[in-house]
C-alpha atoms as a PDB file:
ATOM      1  CA  MET A   1     -28.835 258.988  70.786  1.00  0.00           C
ATOM      2  CA  SER A   2     -25.348 260.385  70.353  1.00  0.00           C
ATOM      3  CA  THR A   3     -22.806 260.200  73.160  1.00  0.00           C
ATOM      4  CA  ILE A   4     -19.269 261.485  73.418  1.00  0.00           C
ATOM      5  CA  PHE A   5     -18.018 257.962  72.663  1.00  0.00           C
ATOM      6  CA  HIS A   6     -19.916 257.893  69.342  1.00  0.00           C
ATOM      7  CA  THR A   7     -19.796 261.359  67.867  1.00  0.00           C
ATOM      8  CA  ASP A   8     -19.711 262.702  64.330  1.00  0.00           C
ATOM      9  CA  ARG A   9     -17.897 265.863  65.406  1.00  0.00           C
ATOM     10  CA  LYS A  10     -14.235 265.480  64.512  1.00  0.00           C
ATOM     11  CA  TRP A  11     -13.038 268.235  66.857  1.00  0.00           C
ATOM     12  CA  VAL A  12     -14.816 266.663  69.858  1.00  0.00           C
ATOM     13  CA  ALA A  13     -13.293 263.296  69.037  1.00  0.00           C
ATOM     14  CA  GLY A  14      -9.837 264.827  68.582  1.00  0.00           C
ATOM     15  CA  VAL A  15      -9.938 266.798  71.832  1.00  0.00           C
ATOM     16  CA  CYS A  16     -11.161 263.765  73.779  1.00  0.00           C
ATOM     17  CA  TYR A  17      -8.609 261.441  72.204  1.00  0.00           C
ATOM     18  CA  ILE A  18      -5.670 263.752  72.897  1.00  0.00           C
ATOM     19  CA  GLY A  19      -6.920 264.705  76.374  1.00  0.00           C
ATOM     20  CA  PHE A  20      -7.502 261.155  77.549  1.00  0.00           C
ATOM     21  CA  LEU A  21      -4.234 259.990  75.959  1.00  0.00           C
ATOM     22  CA  VAL A  22      -2.303 262.633  77.897  1.00  0.00           C
ATOM     23  CA  LEU A  23      -4.140 261.692  81.102  1.00  0.00           C
ATOM     24  CA  THR A  24      -3.434 257.990  80.542  1.00  0.00           C
ATOM     25  CA  LEU A  25       0.261 258.645  79.876  1.00  0.00           C
ATOM     26  CA  MET A  26       0.574 260.892  82.939  1.00  0.00           C
ATOM     27  CA  VAL A  27      -0.892 258.223  85.219  1.00  0.00           C
ATOM     28  CA  ALA A  28       1.203 255.475  83.600  1.00  0.00           C
ATOM     29  CA  ALA A  29       4.396 257.539  83.929  1.00  0.00           C
ATOM     30  CA  PHE A  30       3.632 258.362  87.572  1.00  0.00           C
ATOM     31  CA  VAL A  31       3.102 254.691  88.448  1.00  0.00           C
ATOM     32  CA  PHE A  32       6.225 253.624  86.555  1.00  0.00           C
ATOM     33  CA  PHE A  33       8.526 256.153  88.202  1.00  0.00           C
ATOM     34  CA  LEU A  34       6.993 255.489  91.618  1.00  0.00           C
ATOM     35  CA  VAL A  35       7.792 251.791  91.226  1.00  0.00           C
ATOM     36  CA  MET A  36      11.274 252.574  89.896  1.00  0.00           C
ATOM     37  CA  ASN A  37      12.093 254.832  92.849  1.00  0.00           C
ATOM     38  CA  LEU A  38      10.750 252.455  95.487  1.00  0.00           C
ATOM     39  CA  TRP A  39      11.829 249.007  94.322  1.00  0.00           C
ATOM     40  CA  VAL A  40      14.578 249.226  91.675  1.00  0.00           C
ATOM     41  CA  ASP A  41      18.216 249.951  92.386  1.00  0.00           C
ATOM     42  CA  LYS A  42      19.342 253.465  91.500  1.00  0.00           C
ATOM     43  CA  ASP A  43      22.162 252.141  89.279  1.00  0.00           C
ATOM     44  CA  ALA A  44      19.860 250.103  86.998  1.00  0.00           C
ATOM     45  CA  LYS A  45      19.795 252.601  84.118  1.00  0.00           C
ATOM     46  CA  PHE A  46      18.974 249.950  81.505  1.00  0.00           C
ATOM     47  CA  ILE A  47      15.813 248.938  83.336  1.00  0.00           C
ATOM     48  CA  ARG A  48      14.821 252.546  83.936  1.00  0.00           C
ATOM     49  CA  ILE A  49      15.285 253.700  80.337  1.00  0.00           C
ATOM     50  CA  TYR A  50      14.000 250.727  78.361  1.00  0.00           C
ATOM     51  CA  GLY A  51      11.410 249.822  80.969  1.00  0.00           C
ATOM     52  CA  GLY A  52      10.018 253.342  80.739  1.00  0.00           C
ATOM     53  CA  ILE A  53       9.854 253.177  76.945  1.00  0.00           C
ATOM     54  CA  VAL A  54       8.073 249.815  76.972  1.00  0.00           C
ATOM     55  CA  TRP A  55       5.718 250.886  79.781  1.00  0.00           C
ATOM     56  CA  ILE A  56       4.656 254.121  78.052  1.00  0.00           C
ATOM     57  CA  TYR A  57       4.331 252.432  74.640  1.00  0.00           C
ATOM     58  CA  GLY A  58       2.269 249.640  76.201  1.00  0.00           C
ATOM     59  CA  TRP A  59      -0.187 252.038  77.808  1.00  0.00           C
ATOM     60  CA  SER A  60      -0.435 254.065  74.573  1.00  0.00           C
ATOM     61  CA  TYR A  61      -1.200 250.895  72.622  1.00  0.00           C
ATOM     62  CA  LEU A  62      -3.791 249.714  75.133  1.00  0.00           C
ATOM     63  CA  TYR A  63      -5.455 253.128  75.016  1.00  0.00           C
ATOM     64  CA  TYR A  64      -5.489 253.054  71.211  1.00  0.00           C
ATOM     65  CA  ARG A  65      -7.063 249.579  71.249  1.00  0.00           C
ATOM     66  CA  TRP A  66      -9.720 250.716  73.751  1.00  0.00           C
ATOM     67  CA  VAL A  67     -10.583 253.771  71.649  1.00  0.00           C
ATOM     68  CA  LYS A  68     -10.790 251.676  68.498  1.00  0.00           C
ATOM     69  CA  HIS A  69     -13.029 249.097  70.195  1.00  0.00           C
ATOM     70  CA  CYS A  70     -15.333 251.310  72.277  1.00  0.00           C
ATOM     71  CA  THR A  71     -15.719 254.418  70.124  1.00  0.00           C
ATOM     72  CA  THR A  72     -16.342 255.434  66.547  1.00  0.00           C
ATOM     73  CA  TRP A  73     -13.434 257.902  66.514  1.00  0.00           C
ATOM     74  CA  LEU A  74     -10.888 255.791  64.636  1.00  0.00           C
ATOM     75  CA  ILE A  75     -12.946 254.096  61.968  1.00  0.00           C
END
């Protein structure tokens, strides 16, 4: 039985990978900037810039690891 997580169709895998990556990054960015606006001083530019880069990269990497582990898209 073929599911969307184990598909031979490259276009389905590509659309799902890009779509879920964008969704993951949107949620991660929303949470990061919500935390930054509520609990971090407005003058802390270093934390805002580099924290944002690390946060977004971290979520991208975790998503990549999940896709590699749970799907057959990136074999």
